[in-house]
Amino acid sequence: MSSGASVNPEGGSAQHAGDTGLRRCRENDTGGSARHAGDTCPEWTASARDHPGFSGRDDSGPRLRIVVGVTGGIAAYKAVFLVRGFVLDGHDVHVVPTAAALRFVGLPTWEAISRNPVNTDPFDDVAEVRHVALGQSADLIVIAPATANSLAKLATGLADDLLGTTVLASEAPLVIAPAMHREMWENAATQANIATLRARGHTVVGPGDGQLTGDDRGVGRMSEPTEIAAAALAVVVASTGRRTRSADLAGARTRSADLVGQRILITAGGTREPLDPVRFFGNRSSGRQGVALAEAAIERGGEVVFIAANLEVPEPGGCDIHRVSTAAELREATLAAAGTARIVIMAAAVADYRPVTVSETKIKKQGDASLTLTFVANPDILAELGHSSHPGTVLVGFAAETEPEDAQLLRVARAKQEAKGADILVVNRVGWDTGFGDADNEVVVLGAAGRVLTSTNGSKMSVAHAILDAVLAHDTPT
């Protein structure tokens, strides 16, 4: 599942940010010549135009006035490619960096890449009311990267700099691409701010899961420029009905809109069956893929009901969350919510068995004597849903299997899909060191009669979008 690309300090792939283009154009940061950052820079031209998400100049749609806000994080260097891509697609791009952002990428770079003057102070051009004019005239505002501090300011409506006044003065769609260390992203305050911003209708793209600055790894890596651009331009299409010059970016022109008005039920995490007040019988599921599915569905406008078993990652924001622990509790919550869902995604890892007897006190060790436990089968929730009538609902099951050979893995998955009655089955290989809690995933998606709809690998967020693409392309059962 390796792409073979080098890793940037912030965690993104370096394959489109090659040493030559970025290093030479960084001369601008120290006040040097801007000759490599303009139209004639071969490195910039190649890296942006050949990037799979940016199509180059296109006269097929309206020219948008896009404000790109950049805040003070190391991922600011990736925002340079986002700005350049928008410019090459023919849009009028205005960059509003914060003071901290300019410590990572200098003002001359932003002016050269955007082809527009860059202002940073609300008191610039007072006669033209610059502190609100940019926001009032914008068709789209994208903030990338959005640090934890900037998310807090956006959520509370602070306007102590030009970016803050621009956002408050605008009625344009707002797309936010967070980037920060894992602990900051998982902090309850940050999650509350994200939930607030989503509840206001703003689009949050990412963050991804992977290598961060230094030795850190986890959720917090800013999404790639093409992912951010695709989501941002799709929001414009959804909110205005206008097809943009690059609305077909990366095949994602309808993302952020294709689940609007649809209710999606997603289960995630691993169930735990108690043995006594101290111990339980469970599995190694982290819930990471289920959370990614919920976040992807929310990004695409879906109304998500999220049933969380025992998660090892933060819960998604902006959805209706029901917390459970055992298989019986998961079954009760799922059956109660499934009837109103257009899509049911059973990503939770449900324990197949539970102890017949649960001790009210801790089971004590009795010398060297062995301990015998008797288990009984848990209800099969996926099969119960699959073999009951569910007109108008797509039922998606998951299968984590250990078969080493692909052909054998598919045989097991197809047999399971038939036994469970799932419309779609997502199968992935797991093992002692594979699958559980990993940042990446590799899956095969099976449709009717076990036909392979798609196979994909990558970050669990990209896999989540690929699964949703397959679900939406599937014929709804009647």
Protein backbone atom coordinates (compact mmCIF):
# COMPACT_ATOMS: atom_id res chain seq x y z
CA MET A 1 0.00 0.00 0.00
CA SER A 2 3.00 2.28 -0.17
CA SER A 3 2.93 5.00 -2.81
CA GLY A 4 6.69 5.27 -2.99
CA ALA A 5 6.52 9.01 -2.30
CA SER A 6 8.74 10.71 0.22
CA VAL A 7 7.22 12.12 3.37
CA ASN A 8 6.97 15.84 4.09
CA PRO A 9 7.72 17.07 7.63
CA GLU A 10 4.01 17.84 8.08
CA GLY A 11 3.02 14.43 6.87
CA GLY A 12 1.73 14.84 3.33
CA SER A 13 3.15 13.19 0.26
CA ALA A 14 6.05 15.08 -1.22
CA GLN A 15 5.61 13.64 -4.68
CA HIS A 16 4.00 16.83 -6.06
CA ALA A 17 6.10 19.25 -4.06
CA GLY A 18 9.46 18.24 -5.46
CA ASP A 19 12.69 19.69 -4.16
CA THR A 20 13.28 21.90 -7.17
CA GLY A 21 10.06 23.91 -7.38
CA LEU A 22 9.54 24.49 -3.67
CA ARG A 23 13.16 25.17 -2.78
CA ARG A 24 13.80 27.61 -5.62
CA CYS A 25 10.62 29.57 -5.10
CA ARG A 26 11.35 29.85 -1.41
CA GLU A 27 13.96 32.44 -2.39
CA ASN A 28 10.99 34.81 -2.15
CA ASP A 29 10.63 34.24 1.58
CA THR A 30 13.93 35.96 2.26
CA GLY A 31 13.31 38.82 -0.12
CA GLY A 32 15.13 37.28 -3.05
CA SER A 33 14.09 37.20 -6.67
CA ALA A 34 10.52 36.14 -7.45
CA ARG A 35 11.43 35.02 -10.95
CA HIS A 36 10.85 31.35 -10.11
CA ALA A 37 7.40 31.89 -8.63
CA GLY A 38 5.65 33.43 -11.62
CA ASP A 39 4.35 32.19 -14.92
CA THR A 40 7.77 31.23 -16.22
CA CYS A 41 8.77 28.93 -13.36
CA PRO A 42 9.03 25.46 -14.96
CA GLU A 43 8.98 23.73 -11.58
CA TRP A 44 5.72 25.39 -10.51
CA THR A 45 4.12 24.90 -13.89
CA ALA A 46 4.92 21.21 -13.95
CA SER A 47 4.04 20.48 -10.34
CA ALA A 48 0.67 22.18 -10.42
CA ARG A 49 -0.51 21.47 -13.94
CA ASP A 50 0.55 17.85 -13.82
CA HIS A 51 -1.03 17.37 -10.41
CA PRO A 52 -3.94 14.93 -10.86
CA GLY A 53 -6.40 17.28 -9.17
CA PHE A 54 -5.74 20.49 -11.08
CA SER A 55 -6.71 20.66 -14.71
CA GLY A 56 -4.98 23.84 -15.88
CA ARG A 57 -6.79 26.78 -17.44
CA ASP A 58 -10.37 25.95 -18.35
CA ASP A 59 -12.98 28.29 -19.79
CA SER A 60 -15.93 25.96 -19.23
CA GLY A 61 -17.34 27.77 -16.19
CA PRO A 62 -17.41 31.00 -14.22
CA ARG A 63 -14.30 32.58 -12.80
CA LEU A 64 -14.56 32.55 -9.01
CA ARG A 65 -13.17 35.10 -6.61
CA ILE A 66 -11.56 32.86 -3.99
CA VAL A 67 -10.12 34.03 -0.69
CA VAL A 68 -7.53 31.61 0.75
CA GLY A 69 -6.85 32.21 4.43
CA VAL A 70 -3.57 30.78 5.69
CA THR A 71 -2.86 30.43 9.40
CA GLY A 72 0.34 29.68 11.29
CA GLY A 73 1.19 26.04 10.82
CA ILE A 74 3.89 24.10 9.01
CA ALA A 75 1.27 22.94 6.50
CA ALA A 76 1.25 26.50 5.11
CA TYR A 77 3.73 25.30 2.50
CA LYS A 78 1.04 22.98 1.08
CA ALA A 79 -1.35 25.94 0.79
CA VAL A 80 1.03 27.38 -1.82
CA PHE A 81 0.07 24.51 -4.12
CA LEU A 82 -3.61 25.02 -3.35
CA VAL A 83 -3.38 28.69 -4.35
CA ARG A 84 -1.35 27.88 -7.46
CA GLY A 85 -3.87 25.25 -8.53
CA PHE A 86 -6.79 27.65 -8.20
CA VAL A 87 -4.89 30.26 -10.21
CA LEU A 88 -4.01 27.80 -12.99
CA ASP A 89 -7.67 26.84 -13.19
CA GLY A 90 -8.44 30.47 -13.98
CA HIS A 91 -9.79 31.77 -10.67
CA ASP A 92 -9.11 35.16 -9.05
CA VAL A 93 -7.32 34.21 -5.83
CA HIS A 94 -6.63 36.53 -2.88
CA VAL A 95 -4.48 35.23 -0.04
CA VAL A 96 -5.02 36.47 3.52
CA PRO A 97 -2.20 35.12 5.69
CA THR A 98 -2.06 35.66 9.43
CA ALA A 99 1.07 37.08 11.01
CA ALA A 100 2.05 33.59 12.17
CA ALA A 101 1.54 32.17 8.66
CA LEU A 102 4.09 34.60 7.29
CA ARG A 103 6.72 33.04 9.55
CA PHE A 104 6.36 29.84 7.47
CA VAL A 105 5.84 31.25 3.94
CA GLY A 106 6.71 34.85 3.12
CA LEU A 107 4.47 37.54 1.67
CA PRO A 108 6.36 37.81 -1.70
CA THR A 109 5.62 34.12 -2.36
CA TRP A 110 1.90 34.60 -1.78
CA GLU A 111 1.79 37.66 -4.05
CA ALA A 112 3.77 35.96 -6.83
CA ILE A 113 1.75 32.74 -6.72
CA SER A 114 -1.68 34.38 -6.40
CA ARG A 115 -0.85 37.18 -8.88
CA ASN A 116 -2.60 39.61 -6.52
CA PRO A 117 -1.39 42.01 -3.81
CA VAL A 118 -1.55 40.54 -0.32
CA ASN A 119 -2.83 42.52 2.66
CA THR A 120 -2.46 41.43 6.26
CA ASP A 121 -3.69 44.39 8.32
CA PRO A 122 -7.35 45.44 8.78
CA PHE A 123 -6.14 49.05 8.62
CA ASP A 124 -4.72 48.65 5.09
CA ASP A 125 -6.70 50.54 2.40
CA VAL A 126 -9.10 52.03 4.94
CA ALA A 127 -10.72 54.21 2.28
CA GLU A 128 -11.71 51.06 0.38
CA VAL A 129 -13.00 49.41 3.58
CA ARG A 130 -10.55 46.59 2.93
CA HIS A 131 -11.33 44.80 6.20
CA VAL A 132 -14.77 43.78 4.87
CA ALA A 133 -14.47 44.28 1.12
CA LEU A 134 -12.67 41.00 0.47
CA GLY A 135 -15.28 38.97 2.32
CA GLN A 136 -18.20 40.76 0.72
CA SER A 137 -16.89 40.12 -2.79
CA ALA A 138 -15.78 36.50 -2.29
CA ASP A 139 -17.48 33.57 -4.00
CA LEU A 140 -15.62 31.11 -1.77
CA ILE A 141 -13.38 31.24 1.30
CA VAL A 142 -10.93 28.44 2.03
CA ILE A 143 -8.82 28.37 5.20
CA ALA A 144 -5.85 26.03 4.87
CA PRO A 145 -4.22 25.22 7.14
CA ALA A 146 -6.61 26.00 9.98
CA THR A 147 -4.78 25.70 13.29
CA ALA A 148 -6.43 24.90 16.63
CA ASN A 149 -6.20 28.58 17.53
CA SER A 150 -7.86 29.67 14.29
CA LEU A 151 -10.67 27.13 14.76
CA ALA A 152 -11.36 28.57 18.21
CA LYS A 153 -11.47 32.09 16.77
CA LEU A 154 -13.77 31.07 13.93
CA ALA A 155 -16.13 29.25 16.29
CA THR A 156 -16.41 32.24 18.63
CA GLY A 157 -16.53 34.86 15.89
CA LEU A 158 -13.34 36.71 16.84
CA ALA A 159 -12.22 39.30 14.30
CA ASP A 160 -8.90 40.63 15.56
CA ASP A 161 -7.13 40.37 12.20
CA LEU A 162 -7.90 40.72 8.50
CA LEU A 163 -8.79 37.04 8.11
CA GLY A 164 -11.30 37.27 10.95
CA THR A 165 -13.03 40.35 9.57
CA THR A 166 -13.05 38.84 6.07
CA VAL A 167 -14.83 35.70 7.27
CA LEU A 168 -17.39 37.58 9.36
CA ALA A 169 -18.20 39.97 6.52
CA SER A 170 -18.78 37.20 3.98
CA GLU A 171 -21.81 35.18 2.96
CA ALA A 172 -19.70 32.91 0.76
CA PRO A 173 -19.27 29.19 1.50
CA LEU A 174 -16.51 28.56 4.03
CA VAL A 175 -14.27 25.50 3.69
CA ILE A 176 -11.85 24.70 6.52
CA ALA A 177 -8.84 22.36 6.34
CA PRO A 178 -7.54 21.75 9.89
CA ALA A 179 -3.91 20.86 10.61
CA MET A 180 -2.34 20.35 14.03
CA HIS A 181 -0.79 17.76 16.33
CA ARG A 182 -2.95 14.77 17.24
CA GLU A 183 -3.40 15.76 20.88
CA MET A 184 -4.60 19.23 19.87
CA TRP A 185 -7.06 17.79 17.34
CA GLU A 186 -8.43 15.31 19.88
CA ASN A 187 -8.77 17.91 22.63
CA ALA A 188 -12.38 18.36 23.70
CA ALA A 189 -12.22 22.10 23.04
CA THR A 190 -11.12 21.59 19.44
CA GLN A 191 -13.77 18.94 18.84
CA ALA A 192 -16.43 21.26 20.25
CA ASN A 193 -15.26 24.05 17.94
CA ILE A 194 -15.37 21.71 14.93
CA ALA A 195 -18.90 20.61 15.87
CA THR A 196 -19.94 24.26 16.12
CA LEU A 197 -18.52 25.12 12.71
CA ARG A 198 -20.14 22.10 11.07
CA ALA A 199 -23.46 22.92 12.72
CA ARG A 200 -23.30 26.35 11.06
CA GLY A 201 -23.04 24.66 7.68
CA HIS A 202 -19.33 25.14 7.09
CA THR A 203 -17.40 22.36 5.35
CA VAL A 204 -14.50 20.74 7.18
CA VAL A 205 -12.03 18.79 5.03
CA GLY A 206 -9.83 16.37 6.95
CA PRO A 207 -7.57 16.27 8.79
CA GLY A 208 -5.86 13.15 7.53
CA ASP A 209 -4.15 10.46 9.51
CA GLY A 210 -0.42 9.88 9.13
CA GLN A 211 3.04 11.24 9.82
CA LEU A 212 3.07 14.67 11.43
CA THR A 213 5.90 17.07 12.28
CA GLY A 214 8.80 15.40 14.09
CA ASP A 215 8.16 11.89 15.33
CA ASP A 216 4.41 12.40 15.83
CA ARG A 217 1.90 10.29 13.98
CA GLY A 218 -1.89 10.30 14.00
CA VAL A 219 -4.88 12.39 13.02
CA GLY A 220 -3.97 16.01 12.31
CA ARG A 221 -2.25 16.06 8.89
CA MET A 222 -3.72 18.63 6.52
CA SER A 223 -5.52 17.11 3.55
CA GLU A 224 -3.78 17.31 0.20
CA PRO A 225 -4.40 20.46 -1.90
CA THR A 226 -6.37 18.52 -4.52
CA GLU A 227 -8.72 17.08 -1.87
CA ILE A 228 -9.32 20.53 -0.41
CA ALA A 229 -9.89 22.08 -3.83
CA ALA A 230 -12.28 19.32 -4.90
CA ALA A 231 -14.37 19.71 -1.75
CA ALA A 232 -14.33 23.51 -1.94
CA LEU A 233 -15.42 23.71 -5.57
CA ALA A 234 -18.10 21.07 -5.01
CA VAL A 235 -19.50 23.24 -2.21
CA VAL A 236 -19.84 26.11 -4.69
CA VAL A 237 -21.70 23.85 -7.10
CA ALA A 238 -24.00 22.63 -4.32
CA SER A 239 -24.71 26.09 -2.88
CA THR A 240 -25.09 28.08 -6.09
CA GLY A 241 -25.81 25.54 -8.80
CA ARG A 242 -22.95 27.03 -10.84
CA ARG A 243 -20.54 24.64 -12.45
CA THR A 244 -17.05 25.97 -11.82
CA ARG A 245 -14.05 25.88 -14.14
CA SER A 246 -12.66 22.93 -12.26
CA ALA A 247 -15.72 21.33 -10.72
CA ASP A 248 -14.64 18.00 -12.16
CA LEU A 249 -11.47 17.93 -10.05
CA ALA A 250 -10.35 14.42 -9.23
CA GLY A 251 -13.76 12.98 -10.11
CA ALA A 252 -15.22 14.67 -7.03
CA ARG A 253 -17.44 17.38 -8.51
CA THR A 254 -20.53 16.27 -6.58
CA ARG A 255 -18.86 15.40 -3.31
CA SER A 256 -19.97 17.55 -0.40
CA ALA A 257 -23.43 17.51 -1.98
CA ASP A 258 -24.34 13.96 -3.00
CA LEU A 259 -25.61 12.92 0.44
CA VAL A 260 -27.63 16.04 1.20
CA GLY A 261 -31.03 15.07 2.59
CA GLN A 262 -30.01 11.45 3.16
CA ARG A 263 -29.87 9.74 6.56
CA ILE A 264 -26.91 7.42 7.06
CA LEU A 265 -26.60 5.02 9.98
CA ILE A 266 -23.02 4.01 10.78
CA THR A 267 -21.83 1.66 13.50
CA ALA A 268 -18.19 1.63 14.59
CA GLY A 269 -15.81 0.35 17.23
CA GLY A 270 -15.57 -3.01 18.95
CA THR A 271 -18.15 -4.47 21.31
CA ARG A 272 -17.11 -5.75 24.73
CA GLU A 273 -18.80 -8.61 26.56
CA PRO A 274 -18.18 -8.46 30.34
CA LEU A 275 -16.76 -11.46 32.19
CA ASP A 276 -16.81 -9.73 35.56
CA PRO A 277 -16.59 -6.09 36.75
CA VAL A 278 -12.91 -5.99 35.71
CA ARG A 279 -12.56 -8.06 32.53
CA PHE A 280 -14.28 -8.32 29.19
CA PHE A 281 -14.22 -10.40 26.00
CA GLY A 282 -13.62 -8.13 23.00
CA ASN A 283 -11.56 -7.44 19.88
CA ARG A 284 -8.86 -5.10 18.63
CA SER A 285 -11.01 -2.77 16.54
CA SER A 286 -10.14 0.92 16.99
CA GLY A 287 -13.21 2.28 15.19
CA ARG A 288 -10.98 4.45 13.00
CA GLN A 289 -12.53 3.39 9.67
CA GLY A 290 -16.06 3.85 10.98
CA VAL A 291 -15.24 7.33 12.23
CA ALA A 292 -13.72 8.17 8.83
CA LEU A 293 -16.93 6.98 7.14
CA ALA A 294 -19.00 9.22 9.40
CA GLU A 295 -16.79 12.24 8.74
CA ALA A 296 -16.81 11.60 4.98
CA ALA A 297 -20.61 11.28 4.95
CA ILE A 298 -20.94 14.52 6.93
CA GLU A 299 -18.59 16.29 4.50
CA ARG A 300 -20.89 15.19 1.68
CA GLY A 301 -23.95 16.63 3.35
CA GLY A 302 -25.38 13.50 4.95
CA GLU A 303 -27.36 13.36 8.18
CA VAL A 304 -25.37 10.81 10.16
CA VAL A 305 -26.54 8.67 13.07
CA PHE A 306 -23.40 7.22 14.61
CA ILE A 307 -23.57 4.25 16.97
CA ALA A 308 -20.27 4.14 18.82
CA ALA A 309 -19.13 0.98 20.49
CA ASN A 310 -15.76 1.17 22.22
CA LEU A 311 -13.61 3.60 20.21
CA GLU A 312 -9.89 4.24 20.47
CA VAL A 313 -10.15 7.42 18.39
CA PRO A 314 -12.19 10.62 18.90
CA GLU A 315 -15.86 10.52 18.00
CA PRO A 316 -16.88 12.40 14.85
CA GLY A 317 -18.45 15.81 15.30
CA GLY A 318 -21.64 17.04 13.70
CA CYS A 319 -23.71 13.88 14.00
CA ASP A 320 -26.19 12.14 16.30
CA ILE A 321 -24.12 9.83 18.52
CA HIS A 322 -25.42 6.83 20.48
CA ARG A 323 -22.88 5.11 22.75
CA VAL A 324 -23.06 1.38 23.39
CA SER A 325 -20.75 -1.30 24.74
CA THR A 326 -22.10 -4.83 24.23
CA ALA A 327 -23.47 -6.58 21.16
CA ALA A 328 -26.95 -6.58 22.70
CA GLU A 329 -26.82 -2.82 23.19
CA LEU A 330 -25.54 -2.35 19.64
CA ARG A 331 -28.36 -4.48 18.28
CA GLU A 332 -31.01 -2.52 20.16
CA ALA A 333 -29.67 0.85 19.00
CA THR A 334 -29.18 -0.31 15.41
CA LEU A 335 -32.64 -1.80 14.99
CA ALA A 336 -34.18 1.35 16.44
CA ALA A 337 -32.39 3.61 13.94
CA ALA A 338 -32.16 1.48 10.79
CA GLY A 339 -35.76 1.91 9.69
CA THR A 340 -35.34 5.59 8.83
CA ALA A 341 -31.92 5.33 7.19
CA ARG A 342 -31.25 5.47 3.45
CA ILE A 343 -27.87 3.80 4.00
CA VAL A 344 -26.88 1.48 6.85
CA ILE A 345 -23.13 0.85 7.23
CA MET A 346 -22.27 -1.86 9.76
CA ALA A 347 -18.59 -1.09 10.35
CA ALA A 348 -18.57 -2.09 14.02
CA ALA A 349 -16.65 -5.22 15.02
CA VAL A 350 -19.24 -7.22 16.93
CA ALA A 351 -18.16 -10.00 19.26
CA ASP A 352 -19.52 -13.30 17.94
CA TYR A 353 -19.84 -14.76 21.44
CA ARG A 354 -20.51 -13.66 25.01
CA PRO A 355 -20.05 -15.46 28.35
CA VAL A 356 -23.06 -17.44 29.52
CA THR A 357 -22.51 -16.18 33.06
CA VAL A 358 -21.21 -12.79 34.17
CA SER A 359 -19.72 -12.73 37.64
CA GLU A 360 -20.89 -9.92 39.93
CA THR A 361 -17.47 -9.89 41.57
CA LYS A 362 -13.95 -10.21 40.24
CA ILE A 363 -13.08 -13.79 39.32
CA LYS A 364 -10.18 -14.74 41.60
CA LYS A 365 -7.23 -16.84 40.57
CA GLN A 366 -7.34 -20.18 42.35
CA GLY A 367 -3.72 -21.26 42.61
CA ASP A 368 -2.63 -23.01 39.42
CA ALA A 369 -6.12 -24.23 38.59
CA SER A 370 -7.34 -23.60 35.07
CA LEU A 371 -10.42 -21.52 34.32
CA THR A 372 -13.16 -22.74 32.02
CA LEU A 373 -15.59 -20.26 30.51
CA THR A 374 -18.70 -21.14 28.53
CA PHE A 375 -19.80 -18.84 25.73
CA VAL A 376 -23.04 -18.45 23.80
CA ALA A 377 -23.45 -16.93 20.34
CA ASN A 378 -24.45 -13.29 20.10
CA PRO A 379 -27.25 -12.26 17.76
CA ASP A 380 -26.08 -11.63 14.19
CA ILE A 381 -27.18 -8.04 13.68
CA LEU A 382 -26.10 -7.77 10.03
CA ALA A 383 -27.90 -10.99 9.09
CA GLU A 384 -31.00 -9.90 10.97
CA LEU A 385 -31.11 -6.69 8.95
CA GLY A 386 -30.10 -8.38 5.70
CA HIS A 387 -32.79 -11.05 5.81
CA SER A 388 -35.57 -8.66 6.73
CA SER A 389 -37.28 -6.42 4.19
CA HIS A 390 -35.41 -3.14 3.76
CA PRO A 391 -36.83 -1.43 0.63
CA GLY A 392 -35.08 1.79 -0.30
CA THR A 393 -32.17 1.11 2.05
CA VAL A 394 -28.66 0.01 1.07
CA LEU A 395 -27.20 -2.33 3.70
CA VAL A 396 -23.39 -2.36 3.88
CA GLY A 397 -21.55 -5.00 5.89
CA PHE A 398 -17.90 -5.31 6.81
CA ALA A 399 -15.71 -8.39 6.98
CA ALA A 400 -12.24 -8.42 8.54
CA GLU A 401 -10.59 -11.68 7.51
CA THR A 402 -7.16 -13.27 7.95
CA GLU A 403 -6.95 -15.33 4.73
CA PRO A 404 -3.48 -14.72 3.22
CA GLU A 405 -4.39 -15.29 -0.44
CA ASP A 406 -6.58 -12.84 -2.38
CA ALA A 407 -8.66 -15.56 -4.04
CA GLN A 408 -9.33 -17.22 -0.72
CA LEU A 409 -10.18 -13.88 0.87
CA LEU A 410 -12.76 -13.18 -1.84
CA ARG A 411 -14.31 -16.66 -1.48
CA VAL A 412 -14.78 -16.15 2.24
CA ALA A 413 -16.16 -12.64 1.71
CA ARG A 414 -18.67 -13.75 -0.95
CA ALA A 415 -19.89 -16.58 1.24
CA LYS A 416 -20.32 -14.17 4.13
CA GLN A 417 -22.17 -11.64 1.98
CA GLU A 418 -24.63 -14.31 0.85
CA ALA A 419 -25.10 -15.62 4.39
CA LYS A 420 -25.69 -12.15 5.82
CA GLY A 421 -27.90 -10.80 3.04
CA ALA A 422 -25.88 -7.59 2.72
CA ASP A 423 -26.34 -5.52 -0.42
CA ILE A 424 -22.66 -4.51 -0.26
CA LEU A 425 -19.81 -6.10 1.65
CA VAL A 426 -16.50 -4.38 2.38
CA VAL A 427 -13.71 -6.85 3.07
CA ASN A 428 -10.21 -6.16 4.35
CA ARG A 429 -7.35 -8.34 5.48
CA VAL A 430 -6.32 -8.18 9.15
CA GLY A 431 -3.65 -9.89 11.21
CA TRP A 432 -1.35 -9.50 14.16
CA ASP A 433 0.29 -6.43 12.64
CA THR A 434 -2.21 -5.49 9.95
CA GLY A 435 -5.47 -3.60 9.85
CA PHE A 436 -6.34 -2.74 13.43
CA GLY A 437 -5.68 0.89 14.32
CA ASP A 438 -3.61 1.52 11.16
CA ALA A 439 -3.75 4.94 9.51
CA ASP A 440 -4.25 3.28 6.10
CA ASN A 441 -6.55 0.56 4.87
CA GLU A 442 -6.95 -1.64 1.82
CA VAL A 443 -10.40 -2.95 0.96
CA VAL A 444 -12.39 -4.71 -1.72
CA VAL A 445 -16.05 -3.71 -2.09
CA LEU A 446 -18.47 -6.40 -3.28
CA GLY A 447 -21.89 -5.71 -4.75
CA ALA A 448 -24.74 -7.86 -6.03
CA ALA A 449 -23.82 -11.54 -6.53
CA GLY A 450 -20.37 -10.88 -5.07
CA ARG A 451 -19.28 -8.74 -8.01
CA VAL A 452 -16.27 -6.53 -7.23
CA LEU A 453 -17.46 -2.93 -7.36
CA THR A 454 -14.12 -1.40 -6.48
CA SER A 455 -10.87 -2.03 -4.67
CA THR A 456 -8.93 0.78 -3.05
CA ASN A 457 -6.15 1.53 -0.61
CA GLY A 458 -4.88 4.63 1.12
CA SER A 459 -5.80 6.71 4.14
CA LYS A 460 -8.93 5.58 5.91
CA MET A 461 -10.60 8.86 4.89
CA SER A 462 -9.87 8.25 1.20
CA VAL A 463 -11.09 4.66 1.59
CA ALA A 464 -14.25 5.98 3.27
CA HIS A 465 -14.98 8.20 0.27
CA ALA A 466 -14.37 5.31 -2.13
CA ILE A 467 -16.83 3.15 -0.16
CA LEU A 468 -19.45 5.91 -0.24
CA ASP A 469 -18.88 6.33 -3.99
CA ALA A 470 -19.58 2.61 -4.47
CA VAL A 471 -22.67 2.76 -2.24
CA LEU A 472 -24.13 5.69 -4.17
CA ALA A 473 -23.48 3.98 -7.48
CA HIS A 474 -25.28 0.85 -6.26
CA ASP A 475 -28.85 0.19 -7.33
CA THR A 476 -31.10 0.65 -4.31
CA PRO A 477 -32.96 -2.58 -3.48
CA THR A 478 -36.75 -2.48 -3.76
